Amino acid sequence: MEVISISSHLRNLAFLSWPDASKAALKEGSTIVWPFGACEQHGPQLPLITDTYFAESVLFEVLERLPAELPIWSLPPQTIGFSPEHLGFPGTLSLSGSLMMEIVSEIGKQLANMGFQRLVLFNAHGGQIGLLQAIARELRIQCPSMAVLPCFLWSGVEELKDLIPNREVEQGLHAALAETSLMLSFDPELVGELRPCDGDYKISSNPSMKVPLGWSLEGAAPCAWLTNELSQSGVIGDSRGSNSKLGDDLRKVLVEHWFELFSNLMKSKWPPVENARKLNTNNS
């Protein structure tokens, strides 16, 4: 199947007329991708919109490469998310967990009522991974006719281990090497000159910041950390090695990874919803 480059407007539900949106929803395998980001501090060198920018930009490149006839569209991004860990820094805006759940539930139910069969929550903010997974399960119960897939931009991308240190791959550090480099690839004008490393707890001279053996910020045994307890700059990790070449490589593997996953999804009828629909009918 030939890959066709198309305008972002043709893939964005918000740019369709209501009759076209209705036809889109009723297509077999109709899929909506909702980008999720945040408006939160990303150190002195990156913009508040960083996570949203990444979710929308990677998704745009993926959708451009998918065949035009596939029934997949995006929504406008959710640009303010669940970011309480960063509220110690000016500029950060955060919704409560309960409000996030209400927003996703309301929009999700409306999409299901239109007839969409799959909703992908395409998230680039690590601080709301668990919340969106919980919301997705709630929405799945509320809307048995629509599959819900909560995804995280950086998860499952095996090639990352060859590009950035395991510490950053496994522990999800913030505004450090990977994110600064990726923004240098997408839009270097948005990246400031500073490259802080004060939040790299592994090399910190402050014993109270060193993580005990076996524990981590976001690994197998995590903690509910607050950024201003770990870093004065807002950077958790070491951003000093950031460069555009690394950013280009990260961009390539992210786009390739999600292009493959979305291609596979659109070729399939997964996840199944018919059994859940029948079960819901029988229990009502």
Protein backbone atom coordinates (compact mmCIF):
# COMPACT_ATOMS: atom_id res chain seq x y z
CA MET A 1 0.00 0.00 0.00
CA GLU A 2 1.52 3.31 -1.06
CA VAL A 3 2.19 5.88 1.64
CA ILE A 4 0.60 9.20 0.68
CA SER A 5 1.61 12.57 2.12
CA ILE A 6 -1.50 14.52 3.08
CA SER A 7 -2.37 17.81 4.73
CA SER A 8 -2.72 17.81 8.52
CA HIS A 9 -6.19 19.34 8.06
CA LEU A 10 -7.44 16.18 6.38
CA ARG A 11 -6.39 14.12 9.40
CA ASN A 12 -7.77 16.50 12.05
CA LEU A 13 -11.39 15.95 13.01
CA ALA A 14 -11.77 19.62 13.91
CA PHE A 15 -11.24 20.64 10.28
CA LEU A 16 -14.03 18.43 8.95
CA SER A 17 -17.61 19.55 8.38
CA TRP A 18 -20.21 17.85 10.54
CA PRO A 19 -21.44 15.59 7.70
CA ASP A 20 -17.85 14.53 6.99
CA ALA A 21 -17.22 13.96 10.70
CA SER A 22 -20.33 11.79 10.85
CA LYS A 23 -19.15 9.72 7.87
CA ALA A 24 -15.68 9.41 9.43
CA ALA A 25 -17.05 8.06 12.70
CA LEU A 26 -19.13 5.40 10.95
CA LYS A 27 -16.29 3.97 8.85
CA GLU A 28 -15.17 0.45 9.71
CA GLY A 29 -12.24 0.70 12.13
CA SER A 30 -12.73 4.42 12.75
CA THR A 31 -9.99 5.62 15.10
CA ILE A 32 -9.45 8.91 16.90
CA VAL A 33 -6.07 9.87 18.35
CA TRP A 34 -6.14 12.47 21.11
CA PRO A 35 -2.71 14.03 21.85
CA PHE A 36 -2.05 14.76 25.52
CA GLY A 37 0.63 17.05 26.84
CA ALA A 38 1.01 19.62 29.58
CA CYS A 39 1.72 23.26 30.31
CA GLU A 40 4.54 22.86 32.79
CA GLN A 41 8.09 23.98 33.44
CA HIS A 42 10.79 22.24 31.44
CA GLY A 43 13.83 23.91 32.89
CA PRO A 44 15.15 27.31 31.80
CA GLN A 45 15.92 26.05 28.28
CA LEU A 46 12.62 24.52 27.10
CA PRO A 47 9.09 25.96 26.68
CA LEU A 48 6.16 25.12 28.93
CA ILE A 49 4.41 23.48 25.98
CA THR A 50 7.19 20.91 25.40
CA ASP A 51 5.19 17.72 26.06
CA THR A 52 2.23 18.87 23.99
CA TYR A 53 4.58 19.93 21.20
CA PHE A 54 6.17 16.47 21.09
CA ALA A 55 2.88 14.56 21.15
CA GLU A 56 1.38 16.64 18.36
CA SER A 57 4.55 16.80 16.23
CA VAL A 58 5.33 13.08 16.31
CA LEU A 59 1.69 12.24 15.68
CA PHE A 60 1.56 14.66 12.73
CA GLU A 61 4.56 12.99 11.08
CA VAL A 62 3.06 9.55 11.67
CA LEU A 63 -0.34 10.47 10.24
CA GLU A 64 1.28 12.09 7.20
CA ARG A 65 2.91 8.76 6.37
CA LEU A 66 -0.18 6.61 6.79
CA PRO A 67 -2.21 5.79 3.66
CA ALA A 68 -4.87 8.45 3.07
CA GLU A 69 -7.72 5.94 2.94
CA LEU A 70 -7.21 4.71 6.51
CA PRO A 71 -10.00 5.89 8.86
CA ILE A 72 -7.83 7.61 11.45
CA TRP A 73 -8.04 11.22 12.64
CA SER A 74 -6.58 13.35 15.40
CA LEU A 75 -8.22 15.69 17.87
CA PRO A 76 -6.86 19.08 18.95
CA PRO A 77 -4.36 18.42 21.76
CA GLN A 78 -5.12 18.57 25.46
CA THR A 79 -2.52 21.20 26.33
CA ILE A 80 -3.07 21.46 30.09
CA GLY A 81 -2.72 18.23 32.00
CA PHE A 82 -2.04 16.77 35.43
CA SER A 83 1.24 18.37 36.57
CA PRO A 84 1.15 18.91 40.36
CA GLU A 85 4.82 17.89 40.71
CA HIS A 86 5.87 21.03 38.82
CA LEU A 87 3.65 23.59 40.54
CA GLY A 88 6.64 24.95 42.46
CA PHE A 89 7.73 26.68 39.24
CA PRO A 90 5.94 29.70 37.69
CA GLY A 91 4.20 29.01 34.39
CA THR A 92 3.08 25.53 35.32
CA LEU A 93 -0.67 24.98 35.08
CA SER A 94 -2.26 21.78 36.36
CA LEU A 95 -5.71 20.23 36.38
CA SER A 96 -6.81 17.99 39.23
CA GLY A 97 -7.00 14.27 38.64
CA SER A 98 -10.77 14.32 39.06
CA LEU A 99 -11.17 17.11 36.50
CA MET A 100 -8.95 15.28 34.01
CA MET A 101 -11.15 12.23 34.46
CA GLU A 102 -14.28 14.29 33.82
CA ILE A 103 -12.83 15.88 30.68
CA VAL A 104 -11.72 12.60 29.13
CA SER A 105 -14.96 10.91 30.14
CA GLU A 106 -17.16 13.64 28.63
CA ILE A 107 -15.26 13.80 25.33
CA GLY A 108 -14.87 10.05 25.17
CA LYS A 109 -18.59 9.41 25.59
CA GLN A 110 -19.38 11.94 22.86
CA LEU A 111 -16.92 10.26 20.47
CA ALA A 112 -18.43 6.86 21.23
CA ASN A 113 -21.92 8.21 20.62
CA MET A 114 -20.77 9.49 17.22
CA GLY A 115 -19.75 5.94 16.36
CA PHE A 116 -15.96 5.97 16.67
CA GLN A 117 -14.66 2.49 17.40
CA ARG A 118 -11.23 3.31 18.88
CA LEU A 119 -9.85 6.16 20.95
CA VAL A 120 -6.08 6.41 21.42
CA LEU A 121 -4.88 8.65 24.25
CA PHE A 122 -1.49 9.67 22.85
CA ASN A 123 0.33 11.12 25.85
CA ALA A 124 3.78 12.71 26.07
CA HIS A 125 3.74 13.80 29.75
CA GLY A 126 5.20 11.18 32.07
CA GLY A 127 3.45 12.58 35.14
CA GLN A 128 0.01 11.52 33.91
CA ILE A 129 0.71 8.01 32.57
CA GLY A 130 -0.99 6.22 35.46
CA LEU A 131 -3.86 8.69 35.59
CA LEU A 132 -4.69 8.25 31.90
CA GLN A 133 -4.50 4.47 32.25
CA ALA A 134 -7.03 4.64 35.09
CA ILE A 135 -9.24 7.03 33.14
CA ALA A 136 -9.09 4.73 30.11
CA ARG A 137 -10.44 1.80 32.13
CA GLU A 138 -13.26 3.93 33.51
CA LEU A 139 -14.13 5.15 30.00
CA ARG A 140 -13.99 1.62 28.63
CA ILE A 141 -16.69 0.61 31.11
CA GLN A 142 -18.78 3.68 30.28
CA CYS A 143 -18.45 3.13 26.51
CA PRO A 144 -18.45 -0.62 25.77
CA SER A 145 -18.72 -0.02 22.02
CA MET A 146 -15.40 1.89 21.88
CA ALA A 147 -11.91 0.54 22.57
CA VAL A 148 -9.63 2.87 24.54
CA LEU A 149 -5.84 2.71 24.25
CA PRO A 150 -3.72 4.84 26.61
CA CYS A 151 -0.19 5.27 25.20
CA PHE A 152 2.98 7.08 26.27
CA LEU A 153 5.22 8.58 23.58
CA TRP A 154 8.47 7.24 25.04
CA SER A 155 7.28 3.77 26.14
CA GLY A 156 8.25 0.61 24.32
CA VAL A 157 10.71 2.29 21.96
CA GLU A 158 13.53 -0.25 22.10
CA GLU A 159 15.98 1.85 20.06
CA LEU A 160 16.12 4.47 22.83
CA LYS A 161 18.54 2.31 24.78
CA ASP A 162 21.10 2.78 22.00
CA LEU A 163 20.75 6.56 22.01
CA ILE A 164 20.45 7.76 25.61
CA PRO A 165 21.71 6.43 28.97
CA ASN A 166 19.72 3.67 30.67
CA ARG A 167 19.22 6.00 33.62
CA GLU A 168 17.15 8.32 31.45
CA VAL A 169 15.36 5.53 29.56
CA GLU A 170 14.32 3.65 32.68
CA GLN A 171 13.62 6.51 35.07
CA GLY A 172 11.92 9.04 32.83
CA LEU A 173 13.98 12.08 33.66
CA HIS A 174 12.64 15.52 32.88
CA ALA A 175 13.88 18.26 30.50
CA ALA A 176 17.25 16.54 30.29
CA LEU A 177 19.26 14.97 27.47
CA ALA A 178 16.43 13.41 25.44
CA GLU A 179 13.84 16.17 25.60
CA THR A 180 16.32 18.98 25.01
CA SER A 181 17.85 17.16 22.04
CA LEU A 182 14.46 16.32 20.55
CA MET A 183 13.37 19.96 20.70
CA LEU A 184 16.65 20.95 19.03
CA SER A 185 15.56 18.72 16.14
CA PHE A 186 11.99 19.99 15.92
CA ASP A 187 12.53 23.71 16.58
CA PRO A 188 15.94 24.91 17.82
CA GLU A 189 14.62 28.46 18.17
CA LEU A 190 12.55 27.25 21.13
CA VAL A 191 15.64 26.02 23.01
CA GLY A 192 17.57 28.34 25.31
CA GLU A 193 21.32 28.33 25.88
CA LEU A 194 21.45 26.92 29.43
CA ARG A 195 22.09 23.19 29.98
CA PRO A 196 21.44 22.50 33.68
CA CYS A 197 22.45 19.31 35.46
CA ASP A 198 21.68 20.20 39.08
CA GLY A 199 18.81 17.72 39.14
CA ASP A 200 20.94 14.72 38.25
CA TYR A 201 20.61 12.99 41.63
CA LYS A 202 23.13 10.33 40.65
CA ILE A 203 26.00 12.87 40.67
CA SER A 204 24.59 15.21 43.29
CA SER A 205 26.85 16.19 46.15
CA ASN A 206 23.80 16.37 48.40
CA PRO A 207 23.45 12.95 50.13
CA SER A 208 19.75 13.56 50.81
CA MET A 209 19.06 13.60 47.05
CA LYS A 210 20.71 10.25 46.34
CA VAL A 211 18.19 7.50 45.69
CA PRO A 212 18.66 4.28 47.75
CA LEU A 213 19.76 1.16 45.91
CA GLY A 214 16.79 -0.46 44.14
CA TRP A 215 14.61 2.63 44.32
CA SER A 216 14.12 5.29 41.65
CA LEU A 217 12.06 8.29 40.64
CA GLU A 218 9.87 6.46 38.14
CA GLY A 219 11.19 2.90 37.92
CA ALA A 220 10.01 -0.35 39.49
CA ALA A 221 9.99 1.11 43.01
CA PRO A 222 9.16 4.80 42.49
CA CYS A 223 8.29 7.74 44.71
CA ALA A 224 5.87 10.64 44.34
CA TRP A 225 8.53 13.29 43.80
CA LEU A 226 8.17 17.05 43.56
CA THR A 227 10.52 18.83 41.18
CA ASN A 228 11.51 21.70 43.46
CA GLU A 229 12.75 19.17 46.02
CA LEU A 230 15.20 17.75 43.50
CA SER A 231 16.26 20.65 41.30
CA GLN A 232 16.52 24.42 41.41
CA SER A 233 16.49 24.65 37.61
CA GLY A 234 13.55 22.30 37.05
CA VAL A 235 15.70 19.84 35.10
CA ILE A 236 15.71 16.30 36.50
CA GLY A 237 18.75 14.73 34.92
CA ASP A 238 21.67 16.08 32.91
CA SER A 239 20.97 18.17 29.81
CA ARG A 240 24.62 19.06 29.05
CA GLY A 241 25.12 16.59 26.20
CA SER A 242 22.05 17.66 24.26
CA ASN A 243 22.55 18.15 20.53
CA SER A 244 20.53 18.28 17.33
CA LYS A 245 22.08 15.10 15.88
CA LEU A 246 20.83 13.10 18.85
CA GLY A 247 17.51 14.90 18.50
CA ASP A 248 17.24 13.87 14.85
CA ASP A 249 17.96 10.26 15.80
CA LEU A 250 15.38 10.32 18.59
CA ARG A 251 12.82 11.88 16.27
CA LYS A 252 13.42 9.19 13.67
CA VAL A 253 13.04 6.24 16.06
CA LEU A 254 9.94 7.74 17.71
CA VAL A 255 8.21 8.35 14.38
CA GLU A 256 9.21 4.93 13.03
CA HIS A 257 8.02 3.19 16.20
CA TRP A 258 4.60 4.84 16.24
CA PHE A 259 4.17 4.57 12.48
CA GLU A 260 4.62 0.83 12.80
CA LEU A 261 2.25 0.58 15.76
CA PHE A 262 -0.48 2.67 14.16
CA SER A 263 -0.06 0.79 10.86
CA ASN A 264 -0.50 -2.51 12.68
CA LEU A 265 -3.49 -1.20 14.60
CA MET A 266 -5.25 0.06 11.48
CA LYS A 267 -4.75 -3.29 9.71
CA SER A 268 -6.48 -5.07 12.58
CA LYS A 269 -9.85 -5.21 14.33
CA TRP A 270 -8.14 -5.12 17.71
CA PRO A 271 -9.03 -4.54 20.50
CA PRO A 272 -12.28 -6.52 20.29
CA VAL A 273 -15.36 -4.70 21.57
CA GLU A 274 -18.17 -6.98 20.38
CA ASN A 275 -17.93 -9.34 23.35
CA ALA A 276 -17.93 -6.43 25.78
CA ARG A 277 -20.94 -4.95 23.99
CA LYS A 278 -22.86 -8.23 24.23
CA LEU A 279 -21.87 -8.68 27.87
CA ASN A 280 -23.03 -5.14 28.67
CA THR A 281 -26.36 -5.82 26.91
CA ASN A 282 -26.90 -9.07 28.79
CA ASN A 283 -26.19 -7.42 32.14
CA SER A 284 -28.50 -4.47 31.54
